[in-house]
Amino acid sequence: PAIARLKTVVINDESLGLDKSSYDDSRAEKPARATLFSAVVRALN
């Protein structure tokens, strides 16, 4: 039961509204990766 009550969350670029063009140059990529990392930190529990 302690495990069965867990929930699963998938975090990716699409769920965060990040476009693939964010990786075309480093200036756009850094904030995109920061957004991903922040979302992961918020979800961890």
All heavy atoms as atom14 arrays in JSON, in Angstrom:
{
  "sequence": "PAIARLKTVVINDESLGLDKSSYDDSRAEKPARATLFSAVVRALN",
  "atom14_mask": [
    [1, 1, 1, 1, 1, 1, 1, 0, 0, 0, 0, 0, 0, 0],
    [1, 1, 1, 1, 1, 0, 0, 0, 0, 0, 0, 0, 0, 0],
    [1, 1, 1, 1, 1, 1, 1, 1, 0, 0, 0, 0, 0, 0],
    [1, 1, 1, 1, 1, 0, 0, 0, 0, 0, 0, 0, 0, 0],
    [1, 1, 1, 1, 1, 1, 1, 1, 1, 1, 1, 0, 0, 0],
    [1, 1, 1, 1, 1, 1, 1, 1, 0, 0, 0, 0, 0, 0],
    [1, 1, 1, 1, 1, 1, 1, 1, 1, 0, 0, 0, 0, 0],
    [1, 1, 1, 1, 1, 1, 1, 0, 0, 0, 0, 0, 0, 0],
    [1, 1, 1, 1, 1, 1, 1, 0, 0, 0, 0, 0, 0, 0],
    [1, 1, 1, 1, 1, 1, 1, 0, 0, 0, 0, 0, 0, 0],
    [1, 1, 1, 1, 1, 1, 1, 1, 0, 0, 0, 0, 0, 0],
    [1, 1, 1, 1, 1, 1, 1, 1, 0, 0, 0, 0, 0, 0],
    [1, 1, 1, 1, 1, 1, 1, 1, 0, 0, 0, 0, 0, 0],
    [1, 1, 1, 1, 1, 1, 1, 1, 1, 0, 0, 0, 0, 0],
    [1, 1, 1, 1, 1, 1, 0, 0, 0, 0, 0, 0, 0, 0],
    [1, 1, 1, 1, 1, 1, 1, 1, 0, 0, 0, 0, 0, 0],
    [1, 1, 1, 1, 0, 0, 0, 0, 0, 0, 0, 0, 0, 0],
    [1, 1, 1, 1, 1, 1, 1, 1, 0, 0, 0, 0, 0, 0],
    [1, 1, 1, 1, 1, 1, 1, 1, 0, 0, 0, 0, 0, 0],
    [1, 1, 1, 1, 1, 1, 1, 1, 1, 0, 0, 0, 0, 0],
    [1, 1, 1, 1, 1, 1, 0, 0, 0, 0, 0, 0, 0, 0],
    [1, 1, 1, 1, 1, 1, 0, 0, 0, 0, 0, 0, 0, 0],
    [1, 1, 1, 1, 1, 1, 1, 1, 1, 1, 1, 1, 0, 0],
    [1, 1, 1, 1, 1, 1, 1, 1, 0, 0, 0, 0, 0, 0],
    [1, 1, 1, 1, 1, 1, 1, 1, 0, 0, 0, 0, 0, 0],
    [1, 1, 1, 1, 1, 1, 0, 0, 0, 0, 0, 0, 0, 0],
    [1, 1, 1, 1, 1, 1, 1, 1, 1, 1, 1, 0, 0, 0],
    [1, 1, 1, 1, 1, 0, 0, 0, 0, 0, 0, 0, 0, 0],
    [1, 1, 1, 1, 1, 1, 1, 1, 1, 0, 0, 0, 0, 0],
    [1, 1, 1, 1, 1, 1, 1, 1, 1, 0, 0, 0, 0, 0],
    [1, 1, 1, 1, 1, 1, 1, 0, 0, 0, 0, 0, 0, 0],
    [1, 1, 1, 1, 1, 0, 0, 0, 0, 0, 0, 0, 0, 0],
    [1, 1, 1, 1, 1, 1, 1, 1, 1, 1, 1, 0, 0, 0],
    [1, 1, 1, 1, 1, 0, 0, 0, 0, 0, 0, 0, 0, 0],
    [1, 1, 1, 1, 1, 1, 1, 0, 0, 0, 0, 0, 0, 0],
    [1, 1, 1, 1, 1, 1, 1, 1, 0, 0, 0, 0, 0, 0],
    [1, 1, 1, 1, 1, 1, 1, 1, 1, 1, 1, 0, 0, 0],
    [1, 1, 1, 1, 1, 1, 0, 0, 0, 0, 0, 0, 0, 0],
    [1, 1, 1, 1, 1, 0, 0, 0, 0, 0, 0, 0, 0, 0],
    [1, 1, 1, 1, 1, 1, 1, 0, 0, 0, 0, 0, 0, 0],
    [1, 1, 1, 1, 1, 1, 1, 0, 0, 0, 0, 0, 0, 0],
    [1, 1, 1, 1, 1, 1, 1, 1, 1, 1, 1, 0, 0, 0],
    [1, 1, 1, 1, 1, 0, 0, 0, 0, 0, 0, 0, 0, 0],
    [1, 1, 1, 1, 1, 1, 1, 1, 0, 0, 0, 0, 0, 0],
    [1, 1, 1, 1, 1, 1, 1, 1, 0, 0, 0, 0, 0, 0]
  ],
  "atom14_positions": [
    [[0.81, -1.24, 0.0], [0.0, 0.0, 0.0], [0.83, 1.28, 0.0], [0.48, 2.26, -0.64], [-0.83, -0.13, 1.29], [-0.91, -1.6, 1.53], [0.39, -2.17, 1.06], [0.0, 0.0, 0.0], [0.0, 0.0, 0.0], [0.0, 0.0, 0.0], [0.0, 0.0, 0.0], [0.0, 0.0, 0.0], [0.0, 0.0, 0.0], [0.0, 0.0, 0.0]],
    [[1.96, 1.25, 0.7], [2.8, 2.46, 0.78], [3.36, 2.84, -0.58], [3.63, 4.02, -0.85], [3.94, 2.23, 1.77], [0.0, 0.0, 0.0], [0.0, 0.0, 0.0], [0.0, 0.0, 0.0], [0.0, 0.0, 0.0], [0.0, 0.0, 0.0], [0.0, 0.0, 0.0], [0.0, 0.0, 0.0], [0.0, 0.0, 0.0], [0.0, 0.0, 0.0]],
    [[3.53, 1.84, -1.46], [4.03, 2.09, -2.82], [2.88, 2.29, -3.79], [2.97, 3.12, -4.7], [4.95, 0.94, -3.28], [6.19, 0.88, -2.39], [5.35, 1.1, -4.74], [7.14, -0.25, -2.73], [0.0, 0.0, 0.0], [0.0, 0.0, 0.0], [0.0, 0.0, 0.0], [0.0, 0.0, 0.0], [0.0, 0.0, 0.0], [0.0, 0.0, 0.0]],
    [[1.8, 1.56, -3.59], [0.66, 1.61, -4.51], [0.03, 3.0, -4.6], [-0.58, 3.36, -5.61], [-0.39, 0.59, -4.09], [0.0, 0.0, 0.0], [0.0, 0.0, 0.0], [0.0, 0.0, 0.0], [0.0, 0.0, 0.0], [0.0, 0.0, 0.0], [0.0, 0.0, 0.0], [0.0, 0.0, 0.0], [0.0, 0.0, 0.0], [0.0, 0.0, 0.0]],
    [[0.17, 3.79, -3.55], [-0.44, 5.13, -3.56], [0.39, 6.17, -4.3], [-0.04, 7.32, -4.45], [-0.69, 5.59, -2.13], [0.58, 5.92, -1.34], [0.24, 6.66, -0.06], [1.43, 7.03, 0.68], [1.93, 6.34, 1.68], [1.34, 5.22, 2.06], [3.02, 6.75, 2.31], [0.0, 0.0, 0.0], [0.0, 0.0, 0.0], [0.0, 0.0, 0.0]],
    [[1.57, 5.78, -4.77], [2.43, 6.74, -5.46], [1.82, 7.18, -6.78], [1.04, 6.46, -7.41], [3.8, 6.12, -5.71], [4.61, 5.69, -4.5], [5.89, 4.99, -4.94], [4.94, 6.87, -3.6], [0.0, 0.0, 0.0], [0.0, 0.0, 0.0], [0.0, 0.0, 0.0], [0.0, 0.0, 0.0], [0.0, 0.0, 0.0], [0.0, 0.0, 0.0]],
    [[2.21, 8.36, -7.23], [1.8, 8.84, -8.55], [3.03, 9.0, -9.42], [4.15, 9.15, -8.92], [1.04, 10.15, -8.44], [1.87, 11.31, -7.89], [1.05, 12.6, -7.86], [1.89, 13.77, -7.31], [1.12, 15.04, -7.31], [0.0, 0.0, 0.0], [0.0, 0.0, 0.0], [0.0, 0.0, 0.0], [0.0, 0.0, 0.0], [0.0, 0.0, 0.0]],
    [[2.83, 8.96, -10.73], [3.92, 9.09, -11.7], [3.74, 10.37, -12.5], [2.64, 10.67, -12.98], [3.94, 7.89, -12.66], [4.09, 6.69, -11.89], [5.1, 8.0, -13.63], [0.0, 0.0, 0.0], [0.0, 0.0, 0.0], [0.0, 0.0, 0.0], [0.0, 0.0, 0.0], [0.0, 0.0, 0.0], [0.0, 0.0, 0.0], [0.0, 0.0, 0.0]],
    [[4.82, 11.13, -12.64], [4.8, 12.38, -13.4], [5.89, 12.32, -14.47], [7.03, 11.96, -14.17], [5.04, 13.6, -12.48], [5.19, 14.87, -13.3], [3.91, 13.74, -11.48], [0.0, 0.0, 0.0], [0.0, 0.0, 0.0], [0.0, 0.0, 0.0], [0.0, 0.0, 0.0], [0.0, 0.0, 0.0], [0.0, 0.0, 0.0], [0.0, 0.0, 0.0]],
    [[5.53, 12.67, -15.7], [6.5, 12.75, -16.79], [6.74, 14.21, -17.12], [5.8, 14.95, -17.41], [6.01, 12.0, -18.06], [7.04, 12.14, -19.18], [5.77, 10.53, -17.74], [0.0, 0.0, 0.0], [0.0, 0.0, 0.0], [0.0, 0.0, 0.0], [0.0, 0.0, 0.0], [0.0, 0.0, 0.0], [0.0, 0.0, 0.0], [0.0, 0.0, 0.0]],
    [[7.99, 14.63, -17.06], [8.34, 16.01, -17.37], [9.19, 16.03, -18.64], [10.2, 15.34, -18.73], [9.12, 16.65, -16.2], [8.26, 16.68, -14.94], [9.59, 18.06, -16.58], [8.99, 17.22, -13.72], [0.0, 0.0, 0.0], [0.0, 0.0, 0.0], [0.0, 0.0, 0.0], [0.0, 0.0, 0.0], [0.0, 0.0, 0.0], [0.0, 0.0, 0.0]],
    [[8.76, 16.81, -19.62], [9.52, 16.93, -20.86], [9.33, 18.32, -21.46], [8.6, 19.16, -20.9], [9.12, 15.84, -21.86], [7.62, 15.8, -22.1], [6.94, 16.82, -22.0], [7.1, 14.63, -22.43], [0.0, 0.0, 0.0], [0.0, 0.0, 0.0], [0.0, 0.0, 0.0], [0.0, 0.0, 0.0], [0.0, 0.0, 0.0], [0.0, 0.0, 0.0]],
    [[9.99, 18.56, -22.58], [9.91, 19.88, -23.23], [8.47, 20.23, -23.59], [8.03, 21.38, -23.44], [10.78, 19.9, -24.49], [12.27, 19.9, -24.17], [12.62, 20.12, -22.99], [13.08, 19.67, -25.09], [0.0, 0.0, 0.0], [0.0, 0.0, 0.0], [0.0, 0.0, 0.0], [0.0, 0.0, 0.0], [0.0, 0.0, 0.0], [0.0, 0.0, 0.0]],
    [[7.73, 19.23, -24.09], [6.35, 19.48, -24.53], [5.47, 19.91, -23.36], [4.66, 20.84, -23.47], [5.78, 18.22, -25.19], [6.36, 17.88, -26.56], [7.79, 17.38, -26.5], [8.21, 16.86, -25.43], [8.51, 17.51, -27.5], [0.0, 0.0, 0.0], [0.0, 0.0, 0.0], [0.0, 0.0, 0.0], [0.0, 0.0, 0.0], [0.0, 0.0, 0.0]],
    [[5.62, 19.24, -22.22], [4.78, 19.58, -21.06], [5.1, 20.96, -20.52], [4.27, 21.58, -19.85], [4.96, 18.52, -19.96], [6.27, 18.58, -19.41], [0.0, 0.0, 0.0], [0.0, 0.0, 0.0], [0.0, 0.0, 0.0], [0.0, 0.0, 0.0], [0.0, 0.0, 0.0], [0.0, 0.0, 0.0], [0.0, 0.0, 0.0], [0.0, 0.0, 0.0]],
    [[6.31, 21.45, -20.82], [6.74, 22.77, -20.33], [6.61, 23.85, -21.4], [6.96, 25.0, -21.17], [8.19, 22.69, -19.86], [8.46, 21.72, -18.7], [9.95, 21.63, -18.42], [7.71, 22.15, -17.45], [0.0, 0.0, 0.0], [0.0, 0.0, 0.0], [0.0, 0.0, 0.0], [0.0, 0.0, 0.0], [0.0, 0.0, 0.0], [0.0, 0.0, 0.0]],
    [[6.12, 23.47, -22.58], [5.95, 24.44, -23.66], [7.25, 24.9, -24.28], [7.33, 26.01, -24.84], [0.0, 0.0, 0.0], [0.0, 0.0, 0.0], [0.0, 0.0, 0.0], [0.0, 0.0, 0.0], [0.0, 0.0, 0.0], [0.0, 0.0, 0.0], [0.0, 0.0, 0.0], [0.0, 0.0, 0.0], [0.0, 0.0, 0.0], [0.0, 0.0, 0.0]],
    [[8.28, 24.04, -24.23], [9.58, 24.4, -24.81], [9.68, 23.89, -26.24], [9.44, 22.72, -26.51], [10.72, 23.81, -23.97], [10.79, 24.27, -22.51], [11.86, 23.49, -21.76], [11.07, 25.77, -22.44], [0.0, 0.0, 0.0], [0.0, 0.0, 0.0], [0.0, 0.0, 0.0], [0.0, 0.0, 0.0], [0.0, 0.0, 0.0], [0.0, 0.0, 0.0]],
    [[10.04, 24.77, -27.14], [10.16, 24.41, -28.55], [11.53, 23.82, -28.84], [12.52, 24.15, -28.18], [9.94, 25.66, -29.42], [9.73, 25.31, -30.88], [8.59, 24.99, -31.25], [10.72, 25.34, -31.64], [0.0, 0.0, 0.0], [0.0, 0.0, 0.0], [0.0, 0.0, 0.0], [0.0, 0.0, 0.0], [0.0, 0.0, 0.0], [0.0, 0.0, 0.0]],
    [[11.61, 22.94, -29.86], [12.89, 22.34, -30.22], [13.9, 23.39, -30.68], [15.11, 23.17, -30.57], [12.69, 21.31, -31.34], [11.77, 20.15, -30.98], [12.27, 19.37, -29.78], [11.37, 18.18, -29.48], [11.75, 17.5, -28.22], [0.0, 0.0, 0.0], [0.0, 0.0, 0.0], [0.0, 0.0, 0.0], [0.0, 0.0, 0.0], [0.0, 0.0, 0.0]],
    [[13.4, 24.53, -31.14], [14.31, 25.59, -31.58], [15.09, 26.18, -30.41], [16.07, 26.91, -30.62], [13.53, 26.7, -32.29], [12.58, 27.29, -31.42], [0.0, 0.0, 0.0], [0.0, 0.0, 0.0], [0.0, 0.0, 0.0], [0.0, 0.0, 0.0], [0.0, 0.0, 0.0], [0.0, 0.0, 0.0], [0.0, 0.0, 0.0], [0.0, 0.0, 0.0]],
    [[14.67, 25.85, -29.19], [15.4, 26.34, -28.01], [16.84, 25.83, -27.99], [17.71, 26.42, -27.33], [14.69, 25.9, -26.73], [13.38, 26.4, -26.66], [0.0, 0.0, 0.0], [0.0, 0.0, 0.0], [0.0, 0.0, 0.0], [0.0, 0.0, 0.0], [0.0, 0.0, 0.0], [0.0, 0.0, 0.0], [0.0, 0.0, 0.0], [0.0, 0.0, 0.0]],
    [[17.09, 24.73, -28.71], [18.42, 24.12, -28.72], [19.27, 24.57, -29.92], [20.36, 24.06, -30.12], [18.3, 22.6, -28.71], [17.58, 22.09, -27.47], [16.22, 21.85, -27.48], [18.28, 21.89, -26.28], [15.56, 21.4, -26.33], [17.63, 21.44, -25.14], [16.26, 21.2, -25.17], [15.63, 20.77, -24.04], [0.0, 0.0, 0.0], [0.0, 0.0, 0.0]],
    [[18.74, 25.54, -30.67], [19.49, 25.99, -31.85], [20.7, 26.84, -31.49], [21.65, 26.93, -32.26], [18.57, 26.8, -32.79], [17.52, 25.91, -33.47], [17.68, 24.68, -33.43], [16.56, 26.46, -34.03], [0.0, 0.0, 0.0], [0.0, 0.0, 0.0], [0.0, 0.0, 0.0], [0.0, 0.0, 0.0], [0.0, 0.0, 0.0], [0.0, 0.0, 0.0]],
    [[20.66, 27.49, -30.32], [21.82, 28.26, -29.89], [21.88, 28.26, -28.37], [20.88, 28.03, -27.69], [21.78, 29.69, -30.43], [20.62, 30.49, -29.87], [20.73, 30.98, -28.74], [19.59, 30.61, -30.57], [0.0, 0.0, 0.0], [0.0, 0.0, 0.0], [0.0, 0.0, 0.0], [0.0, 0.0, 0.0], [0.0, 0.0, 0.0], [0.0, 0.0, 0.0]],
    [[23.07, 28.48, -27.83], [23.3, 28.37, -26.39], [22.52, 29.39, -25.58], [22.11, 29.12, -24.45], [24.79, 28.51, -26.08], [25.28, 29.75, -26.55], [0.0, 0.0, 0.0], [0.0, 0.0, 0.0], [0.0, 0.0, 0.0], [0.0, 0.0, 0.0], [0.0, 0.0, 0.0], [0.0, 0.0, 0.0], [0.0, 0.0, 0.0], [0.0, 0.0, 0.0]],
    [[22.28, 30.56, -26.15], [21.55, 31.6, -25.4], [20.13, 31.17, -25.11], [19.58, 31.48, -24.05], [21.56, 32.92, -26.18], [22.89, 33.64, -26.19], [22.85, 34.86, -27.05], [22.55, 34.54, -28.45], [22.4, 35.43, -29.41], [22.51, 36.72, -29.14], [22.15, 35.06, -30.65], [0.0, 0.0, 0.0], [0.0, 0.0, 0.0], [0.0, 0.0, 0.0]],
    [[19.51, 30.46, -26.03], [18.14, 29.98, -25.82], [18.12, 28.66, -25.04], [17.16, 28.38, -24.32], [17.43, 29.8, -27.16], [0.0, 0.0, 0.0], [0.0, 0.0, 0.0], [0.0, 0.0, 0.0], [0.0, 0.0, 0.0], [0.0, 0.0, 0.0], [0.0, 0.0, 0.0], [0.0, 0.0, 0.0], [0.0, 0.0, 0.0], [0.0, 0.0, 0.0]],
    [[19.19, 27.87, -25.2], [19.21, 26.55, -24.56], [19.34, 26.64, -23.04], [18.7, 25.88, -22.31], [20.37, 25.72, -25.12], [20.44, 24.32, -24.53], [21.63, 23.54, -25.05], [22.23, 23.94, -26.06], [21.95, 22.51, -24.42], [0.0, 0.0, 0.0], [0.0, 0.0, 0.0], [0.0, 0.0, 0.0], [0.0, 0.0, 0.0], [0.0, 0.0, 0.0]],
    [[20.15, 27.57, -22.56], [20.38, 27.66, -21.11], [19.09, 27.91, -20.33], [18.82, 27.2, -19.35], [21.42, 28.75, -20.82], [22.84, 28.33, -21.19], [23.84, 29.41, -20.84], [25.26, 28.98, -21.2], [26.25, 30.04, -20.9], [0.0, 0.0, 0.0], [0.0, 0.0, 0.0], [0.0, 0.0, 0.0], [0.0, 0.0, 0.0], [0.0, 0.0, 0.0]],
    [[18.26, 28.89, -20.73], [17.0, 29.07, -19.98], [16.05, 27.89, -20.15], [15.27, 27.59, -19.25], [16.41, 30.36, -20.57], [17.12, 30.58, -21.86], [18.47, 29.98, -21.71], [0.0, 0.0, 0.0], [0.0, 0.0, 0.0], [0.0, 0.0, 0.0], [0.0, 0.0, 0.0], [0.0, 0.0, 0.0], [0.0, 0.0, 0.0], [0.0, 0.0, 0.0]],
    [[16.12, 27.2, -21.29], [15.27, 26.03, -21.5], [15.65, 24.92, -20.52], [14.78, 24.29, -19.89], [15.39, 25.53, -22.93], [0.0, 0.0, 0.0], [0.0, 0.0, 0.0], [0.0, 0.0, 0.0], [0.0, 0.0, 0.0], [0.0, 0.0, 0.0], [0.0, 0.0, 0.0], [0.0, 0.0, 0.0], [0.0, 0.0, 0.0], [0.0, 0.0, 0.0]],
    [[16.95, 24.69, -20.37], [17.4, 23.66, -19.42], [17.11, 24.07, -17.98], [16.8, 23.24, -17.14], [18.9, 23.39, -19.6], [19.2, 22.56, -20.84], [20.61, 21.99, -20.84], [21.61, 22.97, -21.24], [22.51, 23.51, -20.43], [22.52, 23.15, -19.16], [23.38, 24.38, -20.88], [0.0, 0.0, 0.0], [0.0, 0.0, 0.0], [0.0, 0.0, 0.0]],
    [[17.18, 25.37, -17.71], [16.87, 25.87, -16.37], [15.39, 25.65, -16.05], [15.03, 25.31, -14.91], [17.22, 27.35, -16.26], [0.0, 0.0, 0.0], [0.0, 0.0, 0.0], [0.0, 0.0, 0.0], [0.0, 0.0, 0.0], [0.0, 0.0, 0.0], [0.0, 0.0, 0.0], [0.0, 0.0, 0.0], [0.0, 0.0, 0.0], [0.0, 0.0, 0.0]],
    [[14.54, 25.85, -17.05], [13.1, 25.62, -16.88], [12.82, 24.16, -16.57], [12.02, 23.84, -15.69], [12.33, 26.04, -18.15], [12.53, 27.45, -18.38], [10.84, 25.77, -18.01], [0.0, 0.0, 0.0], [0.0, 0.0, 0.0], [0.0, 0.0, 0.0], [0.0, 0.0, 0.0], [0.0, 0.0, 0.0], [0.0, 0.0, 0.0], [0.0, 0.0, 0.0]],
    [[13.49, 23.27, -17.3], [13.33, 21.84, -17.07], [13.78, 21.47, -15.65], [13.07, 20.76, -14.92], [14.14, 21.04, -18.09], [14.12, 19.51, -17.94], [12.77, 18.96, -18.38], [15.25, 18.87, -18.76], [0.0, 0.0, 0.0], [0.0, 0.0, 0.0], [0.0, 0.0, 0.0], [0.0, 0.0, 0.0], [0.0, 0.0, 0.0], [0.0, 0.0, 0.0]],
    [[14.94, 21.97, -15.25], [15.47, 21.64, -13.93], [14.54, 22.15, -12.83], [14.27, 21.44, -11.85], [16.86, 22.25, -13.76], [17.46, 22.04, -12.4], [17.83, 20.77, -11.98], [17.64, 23.11, -11.53], [18.38, 20.56, -10.72], [18.19, 22.91, -10.27], [18.56, 21.64, -9.87], [0.0, 0.0, 0.0], [0.0, 0.0, 0.0], [0.0, 0.0, 0.0]],
    [[14.02, 23.35, -12.98], [13.11, 23.9, -11.97], [11.85, 23.06, -11.84], [11.36, 22.83, -10.73], [12.73, 25.35, -12.35], [13.87, 26.19, -12.35], [0.0, 0.0, 0.0], [0.0, 0.0, 0.0], [0.0, 0.0, 0.0], [0.0, 0.0, 0.0], [0.0, 0.0, 0.0], [0.0, 0.0, 0.0], [0.0, 0.0, 0.0], [0.0, 0.0, 0.0]],
    [[11.33, 22.58, -12.98], [10.14, 21.74, -12.95], [10.41, 20.41, -12.23], [9.58, 19.91, -11.49], [9.65, 21.47, -14.37], [0.0, 0.0, 0.0], [0.0, 0.0, 0.0], [0.0, 0.0, 0.0], [0.0, 0.0, 0.0], [0.0, 0.0, 0.0], [0.0, 0.0, 0.0], [0.0, 0.0, 0.0], [0.0, 0.0, 0.0], [0.0, 0.0, 0.0]],
    [[11.6, 19.86, -12.46], [11.98, 18.61, -11.79], [12.06, 18.82, -10.29], [11.53, 18.02, -9.5], [13.33, 18.09, -12.34], [13.83, 16.91, -11.49], [13.19, 17.66, -13.79], [0.0, 0.0, 0.0], [0.0, 0.0, 0.0], [0.0, 0.0, 0.0], [0.0, 0.0, 0.0], [0.0, 0.0, 0.0], [0.0, 0.0, 0.0], [0.0, 0.0, 0.0]],
    [[12.7, 19.9, -9.86], [12.85, 20.19, -8.44], [11.47, 20.34, -7.78], [11.24, 19.84, -6.67], [13.7, 21.45, -8.22], [13.69, 21.87, -6.75], [15.13, 21.21, -8.68], [0.0, 0.0, 0.0], [0.0, 0.0, 0.0], [0.0, 0.0, 0.0], [0.0, 0.0, 0.0], [0.0, 0.0, 0.0], [0.0, 0.0, 0.0], [0.0, 0.0, 0.0]],
    [[10.54, 21.02, -8.46], [9.21, 21.22, -7.9], [8.46, 19.9, -7.75], [7.67, 19.72, -6.81], [8.4, 22.17, -8.78], [8.85, 23.62, -8.71], [7.81, 24.55, -9.32], [7.53, 24.22, -10.71], [8.17, 24.74, -11.74], [9.15, 25.62, -11.52], [7.87, 24.41, -12.98], [0.0, 0.0, 0.0], [0.0, 0.0, 0.0], [0.0, 0.0, 0.0]],
    [[8.7, 18.97, -8.67], [7.96, 17.71, -8.66], [8.51, 16.69, -7.68], [7.8, 15.75, -7.29], [7.93, 17.12, -10.07], [0.0, 0.0, 0.0], [0.0, 0.0, 0.0], [0.0, 0.0, 0.0], [0.0, 0.0, 0.0], [0.0, 0.0, 0.0], [0.0, 0.0, 0.0], [0.0, 0.0, 0.0], [0.0, 0.0, 0.0], [0.0, 0.0, 0.0]],
    [[9.77, 16.82, -7.29], [10.39, 15.82, -6.43], [9.79, 15.82, -5.03], [9.77, 16.85, -4.35], [11.9, 16.07, -6.33], [12.75, 15.71, -7.55], [14.19, 16.15, -7.34], [12.7, 14.21, -7.82], [0.0, 0.0, 0.0], [0.0, 0.0, 0.0], [0.0, 0.0, 0.0], [0.0, 0.0, 0.0], [0.0, 0.0, 0.0], [0.0, 0.0, 0.0]],
    [[9.29, 14.67, -4.63], [8.83, 14.47, -3.26], [8.69, 12.97, -3.01], [8.85, 12.17, -3.93], [7.5, 15.19, -3.0], [6.38, 14.7, -3.91], [5.91, 13.57, -3.77], [5.96, 15.54, -4.86], [0.0, 0.0, 0.0], [0.0, 0.0, 0.0], [0.0, 0.0, 0.0], [0.0, 0.0, 0.0], [0.0, 0.0, 0.0], [0.0, 0.0, 0.0]]
  ]
}
